[in-house]
Amino acid sequence: MRKLLAYPLTIIYFIIFGINLLVFHPVQWICFNLFGYQAHKKSVDILNWFLTRSLHILGVSYTFKVPDDIPSHVPAIIVANHQSMNDIPPIIWFMRKFHPKFISKIELGKGIPSVSYNLRHGGSVLIDRKNPIQAVNAIKEMAKYIETHKRAVVIFPEGSRSRNGMTKPFKTKGLATLIEHAPNSIVIPITINNSWKLLRYGKFPMGIGVHITFTVHNMLKVSQHKTIELIKLIEKQITDSVIHE
């Protein structure tokens, strides 16, 4: 019965999701080209509020609390496990005061209304996974960007999404490059639970009635740790809070 109900709800969700992307694409263009970065960021924030709230159609609820003692005007590296593409809009919305940017695969830089435009113009970087030199150089540029502008970058060190909620071993190269080239940054580890359940039936229909939790851990200062030790600490913080079912 639950899966049967998921079919019509998923269709409604996909329609609303697509309308949001189509509407905000020209909105982003206008904001970016006529009013600059701050206006464009605001449009992206609002888009991701709509994308986050549209999942309520599927009965999705969220727990996402950011500790008050994390400063927002310093370079930051947000590190999280990755369970579905639906991890991203809540991070953009609930962490908006940190100006989160993304390290994304180059394929997402074109063809997706709103999403591709934001990745190309909003401060994120696109990496070619088949070209390690390009990828490392792009990550170095991102580290320089967050240091200069006091903004945040989001990285999912697992490299690909978990299909069952179980964390995969961290791929350390990208995270280590960020840490080593953004020495004044803080690290904000986040553990995501249950978003994989939105794909429990595959891409269609989507799971319904899911409660997704984002546990934002205490920040870590890059300057107080050696790179390898810091990565191990981050991975332990994140994986220890993953719920295994």
Foldseek 3Di string as FASTA:
>chain_A
DQQVVLFVLQVVLVVQLQVLLVVLLVVLVCCPPPPRQVSNLVSLLVSLVSNLVSLCSQVEAEAEDDDPPDDQQAEEEEEEAAADPSVPSVCCHVVVSQLEAEEEAQVQLDDGRPRNVCCVPNLHFHDHPVDVVRSLVRLLVSLVVCRVRVHYYYDHQQPDHDLQQAGHDGDQSSVLSSLVNNQAYKYKYKAKEFPSQLQVVHVPRGRGNTYIYIDTDDIGHSNVDDSVVVVVVSVCVHNVPGDHD
